[in-house]
Amino acid sequence: MGDTLLDVQGLTCPLPVLKANKALRSLPAGARLTVLATDPASVKDFRAYTQETGHALVAFSEEKGVYRFTLKKREEPT
């Protein structure tokens, strides 16, 4: 299964995290979501979001003002 891509470039806080949260809800446990954002505040926001929700931030990079976050949806409790 490939990563799902969510492009939220041009959107500002809190929209990148809100749209990522909505996208993650539609994915199965363990799925990956790659988010492209341009808001510098999204770096702090995604770190806080993953700590609060239990989803994992498995990769982060920045190139020419575009932030790439790869999130892994948490496993559902049994």
PDB file of N, CA and C in Angstrom:
ATOM      1  N   MET A   1       0.856  -1.181   0.000  1.00  0.00           N
ATOM      2  CA  MET A   1       0.000   0.000   0.000  1.00  0.00           C
ATOM      3  C   MET A   1       0.896   1.236   0.000  1.00  0.00           C
ATOM      4  N   GLY A   2       0.684   2.168  -0.913  1.00  0.00           N
ATOM      5  CA  GLY A   2       1.474   3.382  -0.993  1.00  0.00           C
ATOM      6  C   GLY A   2       0.957   4.446  -0.045  1.00  0.00           C
ATOM      7  N   ASP A   3       1.780   5.455   0.136  1.00  0.00           N
ATOM      8  CA  ASP A   3       1.372   6.571   0.976  1.00  0.00           C
ATOM      9  C   ASP A   3       0.278   7.370   0.279  1.00  0.00           C
ATOM     10  N   THR A   4      -0.607   7.931   1.075  1.00  0.00           N
ATOM     11  CA  THR A   4      -1.592   8.875   0.582  1.00  0.00           C
ATOM     12  C   THR A   4      -0.958  10.254   0.674  1.00  0.00           C
ATOM     13  N   LEU A   5      -1.141  11.088  -0.338  1.00  0.00           N
ATOM     14  CA  LEU A   5      -0.550  12.425  -0.361  1.00  0.00           C
ATOM     15  C   LEU A   5      -1.632  13.471  -0.140  1.00  0.00           C
ATOM     16  N   LEU A   6      -1.344  14.395   0.783  1.00  0.00           N
ATOM     17  CA  LEU A   6      -2.238  15.514   1.061  1.00  0.00           C
ATOM     18  C   LEU A   6      -1.443  16.792   0.869  1.00  0.00           C
ATOM     19  N   ASP A   7      -1.836  17.608  -0.099  1.00  0.00           N
ATOM     20  CA  ASP A   7      -1.146  18.857  -0.396  1.00  0.00           C
ATOM     21  C   ASP A   7      -1.941  20.012   0.211  1.00  0.00           C
ATOM     22  N   VAL A   8      -1.380  20.608   1.265  1.00  0.00           N
ATOM     23  CA  VAL A   8      -2.041  21.738   1.927  1.00  0.00           C
ATOM     24  C   VAL A   8      -1.168  22.989   1.833  1.00  0.00           C
ATOM     25  N   GLN A   9      -0.365  23.072   0.791  1.00  0.00           N
ATOM     26  CA  GLN A   9       0.490  24.236   0.588  1.00  0.00           C
ATOM     27  C   GLN A   9      -0.368  25.485   0.446  1.00  0.00           C
ATOM     28  N   GLY A  10       0.067  26.548   1.093  1.00  0.00           N
ATOM     29  CA  GLY A  10      -0.658  27.811   1.029  1.00  0.00           C
ATOM     30  C   GLY A  10      -1.654  27.994   2.160  1.00  0.00           C
ATOM     31  N   LEU A  11      -1.978  26.922   2.864  1.00  0.00           N
ATOM     32  CA  LEU A  11      -2.903  27.030   3.997  1.00  0.00           C
ATOM     33  C   LEU A  11      -2.124  27.328   5.269  1.00  0.00           C
ATOM     34  N   THR A  12      -2.744  28.071   6.174  1.00  0.00           N
ATOM     35  CA  THR A  12      -2.082  28.432   7.423  1.00  0.00           C
ATOM     36  C   THR A  12      -2.749  27.738   8.604  1.00  0.00           C
ATOM     37  N   CYS A  13      -2.049  27.774   9.716  1.00  0.00           N
ATOM     38  CA  CYS A  13      -2.476  27.161  10.967  1.00  0.00           C
ATOM     39  C   CYS A  13      -3.907  27.606  11.297  1.00  0.00           C
ATOM     40  N   PRO A  14      -4.761  26.695  11.684  1.00  0.00           N
ATOM     41  CA  PRO A  14      -4.571  25.279  11.977  1.00  0.00           C
ATOM     42  C   PRO A  14      -4.998  24.351  10.829  1.00  0.00           C
ATOM     43  N   LEU A  15      -5.253  24.898   9.655  1.00  0.00           N
ATOM     44  CA  LEU A  15      -5.825  24.096   8.571  1.00  0.00           C
ATOM     45  C   LEU A  15      -4.991  22.886   8.142  1.00  0.00           C
ATOM     46  N   PRO A  16      -3.654  22.971   8.038  1.00  0.00           N
ATOM     47  CA  PRO A  16      -2.916  21.768   7.640  1.00  0.00           C
ATOM     48  C   PRO A  16      -3.162  20.568   8.572  1.00  0.00           C
ATOM     49  N   VAL A  17      -3.134  20.811   9.867  1.00  0.00           N
ATOM     50  CA  VAL A  17      -3.356  19.721  10.824  1.00  0.00           C
ATOM     51  C   VAL A  17      -4.811  19.251  10.782  1.00  0.00           C
ATOM     52  N   LEU A  18      -5.742  20.164  10.664  1.00  0.00           N
ATOM     53  CA  LEU A  18      -7.159  19.764  10.614  1.00  0.00           C
ATOM     54  C   LEU A  18      -7.448  18.909   9.384  1.00  0.00           C
ATOM     55  N   LYS A  19      -6.892  19.290   8.247  1.00  0.00           N
ATOM     56  CA  LYS A  19      -7.108  18.499   7.025  1.00  0.00           C
ATOM     57  C   LYS A  19      -6.398  17.148   7.106  1.00  0.00           C
ATOM     58  N   ALA A  20      -5.225  17.116   7.719  1.00  0.00           N
ATOM     59  CA  ALA A  20      -4.520  15.842   7.903  1.00  0.00           C
ATOM     60  C   ALA A  20      -5.307  14.928   8.831  1.00  0.00           C
ATOM     61  N   ASN A  21      -5.865  15.487   9.887  1.00  0.00           N
ATOM     62  CA  ASN A  21      -6.669  14.690  10.814  1.00  0.00           C
ATOM     63  C   ASN A  21      -7.866  14.072  10.098  1.00  0.00           C
ATOM     64  N   LYS A  22      -8.521  14.859   9.279  1.00  0.00           N
ATOM     65  CA  LYS A  22      -9.676  14.349   8.525  1.00  0.00           C
ATOM     66  C   LYS A  22      -9.250  13.241   7.562  1.00  0.00           C
ATOM     67  N   ALA A  23      -8.117  13.437   6.895  1.00  0.00           N
ATOM     68  CA  ALA A  23      -7.625  12.426   5.951  1.00  0.00           C
ATOM     69  C   ALA A  23      -7.249  11.137   6.679  1.00  0.00           C
ATOM     70  N   LEU A  24      -6.613  11.252   7.839  1.00  0.00           N
ATOM     71  CA  LEU A  24      -6.217  10.058   8.593  1.00  0.00           C
ATOM     72  C   LEU A  24      -7.423   9.243   9.038  1.00  0.00           C
ATOM     73  N   ARG A  25      -8.509   9.914   9.358  1.00  0.00           N
ATOM     74  CA  ARG A  25      -9.716   9.200   9.795  1.00  0.00           C
ATOM     75  C   ARG A  25     -10.223   8.233   8.734  1.00  0.00           C
ATOM     76  N   SER A  26      -9.998   8.555   7.466  1.00  0.00           N
ATOM     77  CA  SER A  26     -10.512   7.704   6.389  1.00  0.00           C
ATOM     78  C   SER A  26      -9.544   6.575   6.015  1.00  0.00           C
ATOM     79  N   LEU A  27      -8.366   6.560   6.636  1.00  0.00           N
ATOM     80  CA  LEU A  27      -7.361   5.545   6.306  1.00  0.00           C
ATOM     81  C   LEU A  27      -7.378   4.410   7.332  1.00  0.00           C
ATOM     82  N   PRO A  28      -6.960   3.221   6.927  1.00  0.00           N
ATOM     83  CA  PRO A  28      -6.890   2.109   7.881  1.00  0.00           C
ATOM     84  C   PRO A  28      -5.713   2.273   8.848  1.00  0.00           C
ATOM     85  N   ALA A  29      -5.773   1.608   9.979  1.00  0.00           N
ATOM     86  CA  ALA A  29      -4.688   1.637  10.955  1.00  0.00           C
ATOM     87  C   ALA A  29      -3.391   1.202  10.282  1.00  0.00           C
ATOM     88  N   GLY A  30      -2.310   1.900  10.613  1.00  0.00           N
ATOM     89  CA  GLY A  30      -1.005   1.582  10.050  1.00  0.00           C
ATOM     90  C   GLY A  30      -0.709   2.248   8.718  1.00  0.00           C
ATOM     91  N   ALA A  31      -1.705   2.884   8.105  1.00  0.00           N
ATOM     92  CA  ALA A  31      -1.509   3.551   6.816  1.00  0.00           C
ATOM     93  C   ALA A  31      -0.653   4.804   7.005  1.00  0.00           C
ATOM     94  N   ARG A  32      -0.012   5.207   5.923  1.00  0.00           N
ATOM     95  CA  ARG A  32       0.835   6.404   5.946  1.00  0.00           C
ATOM     96  C   ARG A  32       0.190   7.534   5.142  1.00  0.00           C
ATOM     97  N   LEU A  33       0.340   8.722   5.678  1.00  0.00           N
ATOM     98  CA  LEU A  33      -0.148   9.935   5.027  1.00  0.00           C
ATOM     99  C   LEU A  33       1.033  10.893   4.913  1.00  0.00           C
ATOM    100  N   THR A  34       1.320  11.334   3.709  1.00  0.00           N
ATOM    101  CA  THR A  34       2.366  12.332   3.489  1.00  0.00           C
ATOM    102  C   THR A  34       1.684  13.674   3.255  1.00  0.00           C
ATOM    103  N   VAL A  35       2.104  14.665   4.034  1.00  0.00           N
ATOM    104  CA  VAL A  35       1.508  15.995   3.974  1.00  0.00           C
ATOM    105  C   VAL A  35       2.556  16.989   3.492  1.00  0.00           C
ATOM    106  N   LEU A  36       2.192  17.795   2.501  1.00  0.00           N
ATOM    107  CA  LEU A  36       3.041  18.881   2.023  1.00  0.00           C
ATOM    108  C   LEU A  36       2.441  20.195   2.503  1.00  0.00           C
ATOM    109  N   ALA A  37       3.226  20.975   3.244  1.00  0.00           N
ATOM    110  CA  ALA A  37       2.735  22.240   3.802  1.00  0.00           C
ATOM    111  C   ALA A  37       3.790  23.324   3.613  1.00  0.00           C
ATOM    112  N   THR A  38       3.349  24.576   3.631  1.00  0.00           N
ATOM    113  CA  THR A  38       4.271  25.695   3.508  1.00  0.00           C
ATOM    114  C   THR A  38       4.253  26.611   4.732  1.00  0.00           C
ATOM    115  N   ASP A  39       3.361  26.383   5.665  1.00  0.00           N
ATOM    116  CA  ASP A  39       3.266  27.206   6.867  1.00  0.00           C
ATOM    117  C   ASP A  39       4.353  26.770   7.859  1.00  0.00           C
ATOM    118  N   PRO A  40       5.300  27.656   8.209  1.00  0.00           N
ATOM    119  CA  PRO A  40       6.345  27.275   9.158  1.00  0.00           C
ATOM    120  C   PRO A  40       5.800  26.796  10.508  1.00  0.00           C
ATOM    121  N   ALA A  41       4.641  27.283  10.899  1.00  0.00           N
ATOM    122  CA  ALA A  41       4.044  26.860  12.161  1.00  0.00           C
ATOM    123  C   ALA A  41       3.616  25.393  12.131  1.00  0.00           C
ATOM    124  N   SER A  42       3.487  24.826  10.933  1.00  0.00           N
ATOM    125  CA  SER A  42       3.053  23.439  10.828  1.00  0.00           C
ATOM    126  C   SER A  42       4.063  22.471  11.441  1.00  0.00           C
ATOM    127  N   VAL A  43       5.330  22.856  11.503  1.00  0.00           N
ATOM    128  CA  VAL A  43       6.352  21.989  12.103  1.00  0.00           C
ATOM    129  C   VAL A  43       5.990  21.723  13.564  1.00  0.00           C
ATOM    130  N   LYS A  44       5.765  22.782  14.302  1.00  0.00           N
ATOM    131  CA  LYS A  44       5.377  22.655  15.713  1.00  0.00           C
ATOM    132  C   LYS A  44       4.011  21.985  15.840  1.00  0.00           C
ATOM    133  N   ASP A  45       3.095  22.367  14.970  1.00  0.00           N
ATOM    134  CA  ASP A  45       1.731  21.832  15.045  1.00  0.00           C
ATOM    135  C   ASP A  45       1.690  20.322  14.838  1.00  0.00           C
ATOM    136  N   PHE A  46       2.427  19.809  13.841  1.00  0.00           N
ATOM    137  CA  PHE A  46       2.390  18.374  13.580  1.00  0.00           C
ATOM    138  C   PHE A  46       3.083  17.577  14.683  1.00  0.00           C
ATOM    139  N   ARG A  47       4.133  18.135  15.264  1.00  0.00           N
ATOM    140  CA  ARG A  47       4.780  17.448  16.392  1.00  0.00           C
ATOM    141  C   ARG A  47       3.816  17.337  17.567  1.00  0.00           C
ATOM    142  N   ALA A  48       3.123  18.418  17.880  1.00  0.00           N
ATOM    143  CA  ALA A  48       2.163  18.399  18.978  1.00  0.00           C
ATOM    144  C   ALA A  48       0.994  17.462  18.664  1.00  0.00           C
ATOM    145  N   TYR A  49       0.530  17.514  17.429  1.00  0.00           N
ATOM    146  CA  TYR A  49      -0.604  16.677  17.013  1.00  0.00           C
ATOM    147  C   TYR A  49      -0.286  15.191  17.183  1.00  0.00           C
ATOM    148  N   THR A  50       0.904  14.776  16.739  1.00  0.00           N
ATOM    149  CA  THR A  50       1.237  13.354  16.835  1.00  0.00           C
ATOM    150  C   THR A  50       1.424  12.932  18.289  1.00  0.00           C
ATOM    151  N   GLN A  51       1.956  13.802  19.122  1.00  0.00           N
ATOM    152  CA  GLN A  51       2.100  13.472  20.544  1.00  0.00           C
ATOM    153  C   GLN A  51       0.739  13.311  21.207  1.00  0.00           C
ATOM    154  N   GLU A  52      -0.203  14.141  20.839  1.00  0.00           N
ATOM    155  CA  GLU A  52      -1.528  14.108  21.462  1.00  0.00           C
ATOM    156  C   GLU A  52      -2.398  12.960  20.966  1.00  0.00           C
ATOM    157  N   THR A  53      -2.234  12.552  19.720  1.00  0.00           N
ATOM    158  CA  THR A  53      -3.146  11.569  19.127  1.00  0.00           C
ATOM    159  C   THR A  53      -2.606  10.146  19.106  1.00  0.00           C
ATOM    160  N   GLY A  54      -1.295   9.986  19.223  1.00  0.00           N
ATOM    161  CA  GLY A  54      -0.714   8.651  19.140  1.00  0.00           C
ATOM    162  C   GLY A  54      -0.336   8.235  17.735  1.00  0.00           C
ATOM    163  N   HIS A  55      -0.638   9.059  16.741  1.00  0.00           N
ATOM    164  CA  HIS A  55      -0.139   8.799  15.391  1.00  0.00           C
ATOM    165  C   HIS A  55       1.367   9.074  15.411  1.00  0.00           C
ATOM    166  N   ALA A  56       2.112   8.438  14.515  1.00  0.00           N
ATOM    167  CA  ALA A  56       3.566   8.605  14.515  1.00  0.00           C
ATOM    168  C   ALA A  56       4.009   9.551  13.406  1.00  0.00           C
ATOM    169  N   LEU A  57       4.930  10.435  13.734  1.00  0.00           N
ATOM    170  CA  LEU A  57       5.602  11.261  12.731  1.00  0.00           C
ATOM    171  C   LEU A  57       6.852  10.481  12.341  1.00  0.00           C
ATOM    172  N   VAL A  58       6.782   9.762  11.224  1.00  0.00           N
ATOM    173  CA  VAL A  58       7.879   8.859  10.854  1.00  0.00           C
ATOM    174  C   VAL A  58       8.941   9.529   9.988  1.00  0.00           C
ATOM    175  N   ALA A  59       8.620  10.645   9.375  1.00  0.00           N
ATOM    176  CA  ALA A  59       9.616  11.365   8.582  1.00  0.00           C
ATOM    177  C   ALA A  59       9.221  12.837   8.485  1.00  0.00           C
ATOM    178  N   PHE A  60      10.249  13.672   8.426  1.00  0.00           N
ATOM    179  CA  PHE A  60      10.047  15.110   8.257  1.00  0.00           C
ATOM    180  C   PHE A  60      11.212  15.645   7.444  1.00  0.00           C
ATOM    181  N   SER A  61      10.910  16.525   6.489  1.00  0.00           N
ATOM    182  CA  SER A  61      11.962  17.202   5.745  1.00  0.00           C
ATOM    183  C   SER A  61      11.445  18.555   5.286  1.00  0.00           C
ATOM    184  N   GLU A  62      12.362  19.413   4.896  1.00  0.00           N
ATOM    185  CA  GLU A  62      12.013  20.732   4.374  1.00  0.00           C
ATOM    186  C   GLU A  62      12.909  21.005   3.185  1.00  0.00           C
ATOM    187  N   GLU A  63      12.304  21.461   2.103  1.00  0.00           N
ATOM    188  CA  GLU A  63      13.071  21.831   0.924  1.00  0.00           C
ATOM    189  C   GLU A  63      12.417  23.030   0.259  1.00  0.00           C
ATOM    190  N   LYS A  64      13.163  24.114   0.153  1.00  0.00           N
ATOM    191  CA  LYS A  64      12.698  25.339  -0.507  1.00  0.00           C
ATOM    192  C   LYS A  64      11.365  25.825   0.052  1.00  0.00           C
ATOM    193  N   GLY A  65      11.224  25.764   1.370  1.00  0.00           N
ATOM    194  CA  GLY A  65      10.026  26.278   2.016  1.00  0.00           C
ATOM    195  C   GLY A  65       8.832  25.339   2.020  1.00  0.00           C
ATOM    196  N   VAL A  66       9.023  24.121   1.533  1.00  0.00           N
ATOM    197  CA  VAL A  66       7.940  23.130   1.563  1.00  0.00           C
ATOM    198  C   VAL A  66       8.299  22.069   2.604  1.00  0.00           C
ATOM    199  N   TYR A  67       7.422  21.912   3.563  1.00  0.00           N
ATOM    200  CA  TYR A  67       7.611  20.939   4.634  1.00  0.00           C
ATOM    201  C   TYR A  67       6.889  19.651   4.252  1.00  0.00           C
ATOM    202  N   ARG A  68       7.591  18.532   4.413  1.00  0.00           N
ATOM    203  CA  ARG A  68       7.005  17.221   4.099  1.00  0.00           C
ATOM    204  C   ARG A  68       6.965  16.414   5.395  1.00  0.00           C
ATOM    205  N   PHE A  69       5.758  16.037   5.789  1.00  0.00           N
ATOM    206  CA  PHE A  69       5.542  15.229   6.976  1.00  0.00           C
ATOM    207  C   PHE A  69       4.987  13.882   6.535  1.00  0.00           C
ATOM    208  N   THR A  70       5.538  12.799   7.050  1.00  0.00           N
ATOM    209  CA  THR A  70       4.962  11.483   6.806  1.00  0.00           C
ATOM    210  C   THR A  70       4.455  10.972   8.149  1.00  0.00           C
ATOM    211  N   LEU A  71       3.156  10.765   8.199  1.00  0.00           N
ATOM    212  CA  LEU A  71       2.484  10.310   9.416  1.00  0.00           C
ATOM    213  C   LEU A  71       2.043   8.865   9.242  1.00  0.00           C
ATOM    214  N   LYS A  72       2.113   8.104  10.310  1.00  0.00           N
ATOM    215  CA  LYS A  72       1.607   6.734  10.293  1.00  0.00           C
ATOM    216  C   LYS A  72       0.446   6.672  11.279  1.00  0.00           C
ATOM    217  N   LYS A  73      -0.701   6.258  10.766  1.00  0.00           N
ATOM    218  CA  LYS A  73      -1.894   6.187  11.615  1.00  0.00           C
ATOM    219  C   LYS A  73      -1.697   5.137  12.701  1.00  0.00           C
ATOM    220  N   ARG A  74      -2.076   5.491  13.897  1.00  0.00           N
ATOM    221  CA  ARG A  74      -1.896   4.573  15.031  1.00  0.00           C
ATOM    222  C   ARG A  74      -2.745   3.316  14.839  1.00  0.00           C
ATOM    223  N   GLU A  75      -2.293   2.251  15.449  1.00  0.00           N
ATOM    224  CA  GLU A  75      -3.064   1.010  15.457  1.00  0.00           C
ATOM    225  C   GLU A  75      -4.265   1.219  16.373  1.00  0.00           C
ATOM    226  N   GLU A  76      -5.384   0.674  15.962  1.00  0.00           N
ATOM    227  CA  GLU A  76      -6.592   0.816  16.782  1.00  0.00           C
ATOM    228  C   GLU A  76      -6.462  -0.083  18.014  1.00  0.00           C
ATOM    229  N   PRO A  77      -6.930   0.390  19.172  1.00  0.00           N
ATOM    230  CA  PRO A  77      -6.875  -0.450  20.375  1.00  0.00           C
ATOM    231  C   PRO A  77      -7.744  -1.707  20.198  1.00  0.00           C
ATOM    232  N   THR A  78      -7.288  -2.785  20.781  1.00  0.00           N
ATOM    233  CA  THR A  78      -8.049  -4.037  20.659  1.00  0.00           C
ATOM    234  C   THR A  78      -9.017  -4.208  21.792  1.00  0.00           C
TER     235      THR A  78
END
